[in-house]
Amino acid sequence: MKHSKREQQKAYTAKGQTFHIEGPLPAHTLATYSMHADLQAFRPPEDQHEALLEIADLAEGRIIIARLDHVIVGYVTFHYPDELERWSEADIAELIELGAIEVAPAYRSFGLGKQMLKLAAADKQLEDYIVFTTEYYWHWDLQGSQLSVWDYRKMMEKLMKNMDMIWYATDDPEICAHPANCLMVRVGSHVRQEAIEAFDRIRFKQRFMY
């Protein structure tokens, strides 16, 4: 299927600072920006920058960023699910994963995550896709946020609702490994019924016939 990417941008002011929220960005634009030194939740900032460039070059890859001048202080990634995970098994062209969302610690109270997700869903760009994200408590910054597991879970659910993602049940072993883990999904209004049914089949692989 054709993956439409319509780049958008907006200025967003919070606490006296003006940020640029933009995307999905091509790799050549991302290459002109640098990563904030504290964006290291997944890997060192330089390595994460390279990962963003690689995702941006993918046909289905989407990178949304928040930046101050030429410094990226937050980002969201969208791409096909990892081929080693169950979500890729059905080879659903319309299935896109919200793979990562990160904001530098100094800016986590500025509402940047909310703004990036709203931009990602703006202009009905995701109506052709099922977008999902897997939330695992071991990826959460519980120490830095000083939140309990359950309060962090509530925060993530509230954040994902900014692009109309809701909780979906699944028997995926990793998600079932802890009750705070969850699968959140947004089904676009133009998604084929066949794609929705295929997604439902991989959400539940342990169904039994009676």
C-alpha atoms as a PDB file:
ATOM      1  CA  MET A   1       0.000   0.000   0.000  1.00  0.00           C
ATOM      2  CA  LYS A   2       1.047   3.604  -0.493  1.00  0.00           C
ATOM      3  CA  HIS A   3       2.277   5.289   2.666  1.00  0.00           C
ATOM      4  CA  SER A   4       1.306   8.937   2.588  1.00  0.00           C
ATOM      5  CA  LYS A   5       3.529  11.300   4.539  1.00  0.00           C
ATOM      6  CA  ARG A   6       2.403  14.905   4.717  1.00  0.00           C
ATOM      7  CA  GLU A   7       4.891  16.914   6.702  1.00  0.00           C
ATOM      8  CA  GLN A   8       3.350  19.324   9.184  1.00  0.00           C
ATOM      9  CA  GLN A   9       4.715  21.706  11.760  1.00  0.00           C
ATOM     10  CA  LYS A  10       3.507  24.047  14.445  1.00  0.00           C
ATOM     11  CA  ALA A  11       4.972  26.309  17.075  1.00  0.00           C
ATOM     12  CA  TYR A  12       4.119  25.431  20.658  1.00  0.00           C
ATOM     13  CA  THR A  13       4.893  27.664  23.625  1.00  0.00           C
ATOM     14  CA  ALA A  14       5.115  26.359  27.182  1.00  0.00           C
ATOM     15  CA  LYS A  15       6.714  27.879  30.260  1.00  0.00           C
ATOM     16  CA  GLY A  16       8.096  30.768  28.228  1.00  0.00           C
ATOM     17  CA  GLN A  17       9.860  28.582  25.654  1.00  0.00           C
ATOM     18  CA  THR A  18       8.782  28.046  22.055  1.00  0.00           C
ATOM     19  CA  PHE A  19       9.181  24.575  20.605  1.00  0.00           C
ATOM     20  CA  HIS A  20       8.788  23.403  17.029  1.00  0.00           C
ATOM     21  CA  ILE A  21       6.620  20.296  16.704  1.00  0.00           C
ATOM     22  CA  GLU A  22       7.049  18.761  13.249  1.00  0.00           C
ATOM     23  CA  GLY A  23       6.908  15.632  11.157  1.00  0.00           C
ATOM     24  CA  PRO A  24       6.882  13.142   9.679  1.00  0.00           C
ATOM     25  CA  LEU A  25      10.379  14.296   8.750  1.00  0.00           C
ATOM     26  CA  PRO A  26      12.665  12.915   6.032  1.00  0.00           C
ATOM     27  CA  ALA A  27      16.121  11.714   7.037  1.00  0.00           C
ATOM     28  CA  HIS A  28      17.898  14.608   5.333  1.00  0.00           C
ATOM     29  CA  THR A  29      16.030  17.098   7.540  1.00  0.00           C
ATOM     30  CA  LEU A  30      16.577  15.085  10.719  1.00  0.00           C
ATOM     31  CA  ALA A  31      20.295  14.973   9.912  1.00  0.00           C
ATOM     32  CA  THR A  32      20.513  18.762  10.298  1.00  0.00           C
ATOM     33  CA  TYR A  33      19.378  18.555  13.945  1.00  0.00           C
ATOM     34  CA  SER A  34      21.224  17.234  16.982  1.00  0.00           C
ATOM     35  CA  MET A  35      19.869  15.166  19.860  1.00  0.00           C
ATOM     36  CA  HIS A  36      19.563  16.493  23.391  1.00  0.00           C
ATOM     37  CA  ALA A  37      22.234  14.857  25.549  1.00  0.00           C
ATOM     38  CA  ASP A  38      19.625  13.396  27.921  1.00  0.00           C
ATOM     39  CA  LEU A  39      17.673  11.493  25.265  1.00  0.00           C
ATOM     40  CA  GLN A  40      19.152   8.156  26.252  1.00  0.00           C
ATOM     41  CA  ALA A  41      16.247   5.993  27.415  1.00  0.00           C
ATOM     42  CA  PHE A  42      16.895   3.423  24.680  1.00  0.00           C
ATOM     43  CA  ARG A  43      20.507   4.023  23.592  1.00  0.00           C
ATOM     44  CA  PRO A  44      23.125   6.821  23.605  1.00  0.00           C
ATOM     45  CA  PRO A  45      21.860  10.009  21.887  1.00  0.00           C
ATOM     46  CA  GLU A  46      24.198   9.676  18.882  1.00  0.00           C
ATOM     47  CA  ASP A  47      23.078   6.093  18.284  1.00  0.00           C
ATOM     48  CA  GLN A  48      19.434   7.047  18.740  1.00  0.00           C
ATOM     49  CA  HIS A  49      19.880   9.808  16.161  1.00  0.00           C
ATOM     50  CA  GLU A  50      21.170   7.227  13.683  1.00  0.00           C
ATOM     51  CA  ALA A  51      18.195   4.991  14.455  1.00  0.00           C
ATOM     52  CA  LEU A  52      15.799   7.864  13.750  1.00  0.00           C
ATOM     53  CA  LEU A  53      17.480   8.503  10.403  1.00  0.00           C
ATOM     54  CA  GLU A  54      17.089   4.840   9.457  1.00  0.00           C
ATOM     55  CA  ILE A  55      13.404   4.796  10.409  1.00  0.00           C
ATOM     56  CA  ALA A  56      12.731   8.031   8.513  1.00  0.00           C
ATOM     57  CA  ASP A  57      14.076   6.396   5.351  1.00  0.00           C
ATOM     58  CA  LEU A  58      11.623   3.484   5.577  1.00  0.00           C
ATOM     59  CA  ALA A  59       8.555   3.645   3.346  1.00  0.00           C
ATOM     60  CA  GLU A  60       6.285   3.341   6.366  1.00  0.00           C
ATOM     61  CA  GLY A  61       8.613   5.060   8.848  1.00  0.00           C
ATOM     62  CA  ARG A  62       7.441   8.248  10.530  1.00  0.00           C
ATOM     63  CA  ILE A  63       9.393  10.456  12.904  1.00  0.00           C
ATOM     64  CA  ILE A  64       7.690  13.278  14.786  1.00  0.00           C
ATOM     65  CA  ILE A  65       9.928  15.575  16.821  1.00  0.00           C
ATOM     66  CA  ALA A  66       9.861  18.439  19.287  1.00  0.00           C
ATOM     67  CA  ARG A  67      12.857  20.744  19.058  1.00  0.00           C
ATOM     68  CA  LEU A  68      14.316  23.889  20.516  1.00  0.00           C
ATOM     69  CA  ASP A  69      16.189  25.654  17.741  1.00  0.00           C
ATOM     70  CA  HIS A  70      18.211  22.804  16.181  1.00  0.00           C
ATOM     71  CA  VAL A  71      18.171  20.486  19.205  1.00  0.00           C
ATOM     72  CA  ILE A  72      15.694  17.598  19.315  1.00  0.00           C
ATOM     73  CA  VAL A  73      14.242  17.381  22.831  1.00  0.00           C
ATOM     74  CA  GLY A  74      11.563  14.781  22.089  1.00  0.00           C
ATOM     75  CA  TYR A  75      10.524  12.321  19.411  1.00  0.00           C
ATOM     76  CA  VAL A  76       7.952   9.689  18.471  1.00  0.00           C
ATOM     77  CA  THR A  77       8.640   6.825  16.053  1.00  0.00           C
ATOM     78  CA  PHE A  78       6.233   4.851  13.866  1.00  0.00           C
ATOM     79  CA  HIS A  79       7.233   1.829  11.777  1.00  0.00           C
ATOM     80  CA  TYR A  80       6.285  -1.728  10.903  1.00  0.00           C
ATOM     81  CA  PRO A  81       6.484  -4.137  13.868  1.00  0.00           C
ATOM     82  CA  ASP A  82       9.709  -6.006  14.476  1.00  0.00           C
ATOM     83  CA  GLU A  83       9.845  -9.173  12.373  1.00  0.00           C
ATOM     84  CA  LEU A  84      10.723 -11.193  15.482  1.00  0.00           C
ATOM     85  CA  GLU A  85       7.514 -10.226  17.291  1.00  0.00           C
ATOM     86  CA  ARG A  86       4.068 -11.754  16.878  1.00  0.00           C
ATOM     87  CA  TRP A  87       2.643  -8.496  15.496  1.00  0.00           C
ATOM     88  CA  SER A  88       4.487  -8.976  12.209  1.00  0.00           C
ATOM     89  CA  GLU A  89       3.383 -12.579  11.663  1.00  0.00           C
ATOM     90  CA  ALA A  90       0.226 -11.766   9.707  1.00  0.00           C
ATOM     91  CA  ASP A  91       2.097  -9.362   7.405  1.00  0.00           C
ATOM     92  CA  ILE A  92      -0.639  -6.727   7.636  1.00  0.00           C
ATOM     93  CA  ALA A  93       0.260  -3.771   5.406  1.00  0.00           C
ATOM     94  CA  GLU A  94      -1.978  -1.459   7.437  1.00  0.00           C
ATOM     95  CA  LEU A  95      -0.398  -2.336  10.810  1.00  0.00           C
ATOM     96  CA  ILE A  96       2.004   0.312  12.165  1.00  0.00           C
ATOM     97  CA  GLU A  97       3.698   0.330  15.568  1.00  0.00           C
ATOM     98  CA  LEU A  98       4.214   3.400  17.697  1.00  0.00           C
ATOM     99  CA  GLY A  99       7.629   2.118  18.673  1.00  0.00           C
ATOM    100  CA  ALA A 100       9.048   4.763  20.965  1.00  0.00           C
ATOM    101  CA  ILE A 101       8.198   8.063  22.563  1.00  0.00           C
ATOM    102  CA  GLU A 102      10.815   9.949  24.541  1.00  0.00           C
ATOM    103  CA  VAL A 103      11.172  13.463  25.921  1.00  0.00           C
ATOM    104  CA  ALA A 104      14.315  14.785  27.595  1.00  0.00           C
ATOM    105  CA  PRO A 105      13.759  14.788  31.392  1.00  0.00           C
ATOM    106  CA  ALA A 106      14.023  18.575  31.721  1.00  0.00           C
ATOM    107  CA  TYR A 107      11.045  19.001  29.374  1.00  0.00           C
ATOM    108  CA  ARG A 108       8.699  16.245  30.511  1.00  0.00           C
ATOM    109  CA  SER A 109       6.272  18.633  32.187  1.00  0.00           C
ATOM    110  CA  PHE A 110       5.867  20.786  29.065  1.00  0.00           C
ATOM    111  CA  GLY A 111       3.196  18.714  27.315  1.00  0.00           C
ATOM    112  CA  LEU A 112       5.489  17.815  24.403  1.00  0.00           C
ATOM    113  CA  GLY A 113       4.431  14.167  24.217  1.00  0.00           C
ATOM    114  CA  LYS A 114       0.797  15.234  23.874  1.00  0.00           C
ATOM    115  CA  GLN A 115       1.655  17.746  21.162  1.00  0.00           C
ATOM    116  CA  MET A 116       3.712  15.238  19.137  1.00  0.00           C
ATOM    117  CA  LEU A 117       0.966  12.604  19.220  1.00  0.00           C
ATOM    118  CA  LYS A 118      -1.676  15.132  18.199  1.00  0.00           C
ATOM    119  CA  LEU A 119       0.462  16.199  15.251  1.00  0.00           C
ATOM    120  CA  ALA A 120       1.017  12.562  14.251  1.00  0.00           C
ATOM    121  CA  ALA A 121      -2.738  12.023  13.957  1.00  0.00           C
ATOM    122  CA  ALA A 122      -3.518  15.417  12.402  1.00  0.00           C
ATOM    123  CA  ASP A 123      -4.936  15.791   8.906  1.00  0.00           C
ATOM    124  CA  LYS A 124      -6.310  12.223   9.069  1.00  0.00           C
ATOM    125  CA  GLN A 125      -2.923  10.802   8.059  1.00  0.00           C
ATOM    126  CA  LEU A 126      -3.406   7.631  10.091  1.00  0.00           C
ATOM    127  CA  GLU A 127      -6.944   6.755   9.005  1.00  0.00           C
ATOM    128  CA  ASP A 128      -5.582   4.044   6.679  1.00  0.00           C
ATOM    129  CA  TYR A 129      -3.736   2.254   9.497  1.00  0.00           C
ATOM    130  CA  ILE A 130      -4.089   0.234  12.654  1.00  0.00           C
ATOM    131  CA  VAL A 131      -1.607   1.887  15.021  1.00  0.00           C
ATOM    132  CA  PHE A 132      -0.595  -0.047  18.123  1.00  0.00           C
ATOM    133  CA  THR A 133       1.846   0.342  20.959  1.00  0.00           C
ATOM    134  CA  THR A 134       3.008  -2.162  23.557  1.00  0.00           C
ATOM    135  CA  GLU A 135       3.588  -0.684  26.996  1.00  0.00           C
ATOM    136  CA  TYR A 136       5.934  -2.594  29.297  1.00  0.00           C
ATOM    137  CA  TYR A 137       6.530  -1.351  32.827  1.00  0.00           C
ATOM    138  CA  TRP A 138      10.242  -2.247  32.636  1.00  0.00           C
ATOM    139  CA  HIS A 139      10.663   0.455  29.971  1.00  0.00           C
ATOM    140  CA  TRP A 140       9.145   3.161  32.168  1.00  0.00           C
ATOM    141  CA  ASP A 141      11.200   5.726  34.056  1.00  0.00           C
ATOM    142  CA  LEU A 142       9.682   4.920  37.442  1.00  0.00           C
ATOM    143  CA  GLN A 143      12.697   6.215  39.348  1.00  0.00           C
ATOM    144  CA  GLY A 144      12.964   9.518  37.510  1.00  0.00           C
ATOM    145  CA  SER A 145       9.216  10.171  37.549  1.00  0.00           C
ATOM    146  CA  GLN A 146       8.767   9.072  41.170  1.00  0.00           C
ATOM    147  CA  LEU A 147       5.491   7.465  40.110  1.00  0.00           C
ATOM    148  CA  SER A 148       4.175   4.068  41.083  1.00  0.00           C
ATOM    149  CA  VAL A 149       3.748   1.449  38.383  1.00  0.00           C
ATOM    150  CA  TRP A 150       0.003   2.042  38.327  1.00  0.00           C
ATOM    151  CA  ASP A 151       0.238   5.833  38.256  1.00  0.00           C
ATOM    152  CA  TYR A 152       2.711   5.583  35.384  1.00  0.00           C
ATOM    153  CA  ARG A 153       0.316   3.260  33.562  1.00  0.00           C
ATOM    154  CA  LYS A 154      -2.497   5.798  34.005  1.00  0.00           C
ATOM    155  CA  MET A 155      -0.221   8.534  32.692  1.00  0.00           C
ATOM    156  CA  MET A 156       0.634   6.507  29.576  1.00  0.00           C
ATOM    157  CA  GLU A 157      -3.021   5.686  28.910  1.00  0.00           C
ATOM    158  CA  LYS A 158      -3.913   9.374  29.205  1.00  0.00           C
ATOM    159  CA  LEU A 159      -1.051  10.304  26.873  1.00  0.00           C
ATOM    160  CA  MET A 160      -2.033   7.779  24.204  1.00  0.00           C
ATOM    161  CA  LYS A 161      -5.634   8.983  24.253  1.00  0.00           C
ATOM    162  CA  ASN A 162      -4.347  12.159  22.584  1.00  0.00           C
ATOM    163  CA  MET A 163      -4.354  10.185  19.363  1.00  0.00           C
ATOM    164  CA  ASP A 164      -7.425   8.153  20.316  1.00  0.00           C
ATOM    165  CA  MET A 165      -5.569   4.981  21.271  1.00  0.00           C
ATOM    166  CA  ILE A 166      -7.430   2.709  23.671  1.00  0.00           C
ATOM    167  CA  TRP A 167      -6.676  -0.452  25.649  1.00  0.00           C
ATOM    168  CA  TYR A 168      -7.066  -3.752  23.776  1.00  0.00           C
ATOM    169  CA  ALA A 169      -6.972  -7.236  25.281  1.00  0.00           C
ATOM    170  CA  THR A 170      -4.363  -9.765  24.146  1.00  0.00           C
ATOM    171  CA  ASP A 171      -2.784 -13.033  25.223  1.00  0.00           C
ATOM    172  CA  ASP A 172       0.716 -11.911  24.214  1.00  0.00           C
ATOM    173  CA  PRO A 173       3.043 -13.457  26.849  1.00  0.00           C
ATOM    174  CA  GLU A 174       5.172 -10.337  27.352  1.00  0.00           C
ATOM    175  CA  ILE A 175       2.154  -8.130  27.940  1.00  0.00           C
ATOM    176  CA  CYS A 176       0.584 -10.750  30.191  1.00  0.00           C
ATOM    177  CA  ALA A 177       3.831 -10.987  32.195  1.00  0.00           C
ATOM    178  CA  HIS A 178       2.712  -8.092  34.414  1.00  0.00           C
ATOM    179  CA  PRO A 179      -0.777  -6.616  34.942  1.00  0.00           C
ATOM    180  CA  ALA A 180       0.489  -3.063  34.362  1.00  0.00           C
ATOM    181  CA  ASN A 181       1.673  -3.898  30.847  1.00  0.00           C
ATOM    182  CA  CYS A 182      -0.836  -3.171  28.126  1.00  0.00           C
ATOM    183  CA  LEU A 183      -1.597  -3.065  24.424  1.00  0.00           C
ATOM    184  CA  MET A 184      -3.085   0.184  23.103  1.00  0.00           C
ATOM    185  CA  VAL A 185      -4.558   0.502  19.631  1.00  0.00           C
ATOM    186  CA  ARG A 186      -6.090   3.011  17.237  1.00  0.00           C
ATOM    187  CA  VAL A 187      -8.004   1.624  14.253  1.00  0.00           C
ATOM    188  CA  GLY A 188      -8.258   4.121  11.401  1.00  0.00           C
ATOM    189  CA  SER A 189     -11.641   4.720   9.800  1.00  0.00           C
ATOM    190  CA  HIS A 190     -10.447   3.529   6.373  1.00  0.00           C
ATOM    191  CA  VAL A 191      -8.897   0.217   7.473  1.00  0.00           C
ATOM    192  CA  ARG A 192     -10.155  -2.883   5.645  1.00  0.00           C
ATOM    193  CA  GLN A 193     -12.261  -5.308   7.677  1.00  0.00           C
ATOM    194  CA  GLU A 194      -9.907  -8.099   6.583  1.00  0.00           C
ATOM    195  CA  ALA A 195      -6.971  -6.272   8.191  1.00  0.00           C
ATOM    196  CA  ILE A 196      -8.893  -5.791  11.436  1.00  0.00           C
ATOM    197  CA  GLU A 197      -9.765  -9.498  11.556  1.00  0.00           C
ATOM    198  CA  ALA A 198      -6.150 -10.472  10.860  1.00  0.00           C
ATOM    199  CA  PHE A 199      -5.010  -8.228  13.718  1.00  0.00           C
ATOM    200  CA  ASP A 200      -7.572  -9.813  16.045  1.00  0.00           C
ATOM    201  CA  ARG A 201      -6.205 -13.253  15.190  1.00  0.00           C
ATOM    202  CA  ILE A 202      -2.677 -12.309  16.238  1.00  0.00           C
ATOM    203  CA  ARG A 203      -3.896 -10.536  19.377  1.00  0.00           C
ATOM    204  CA  PHE A 204      -5.229 -13.893  20.535  1.00  0.00           C
ATOM    205  CA  LYS A 205      -3.221 -16.927  19.487  1.00  0.00           C
ATOM    206  CA  GLN A 206      -4.334 -19.246  22.302  1.00  0.00           C
ATOM    207  CA  ARG A 207      -7.999 -19.533  21.387  1.00  0.00           C
ATOM    208  CA  PHE A 208      -9.513 -22.977  21.680  1.00  0.00           C
ATOM    209  CA  MET A 209     -12.463 -24.510  19.872  1.00  0.00           C
ATOM    210  CA  TYR A 210     -15.185 -25.993  22.054  1.00  0.00           C
END
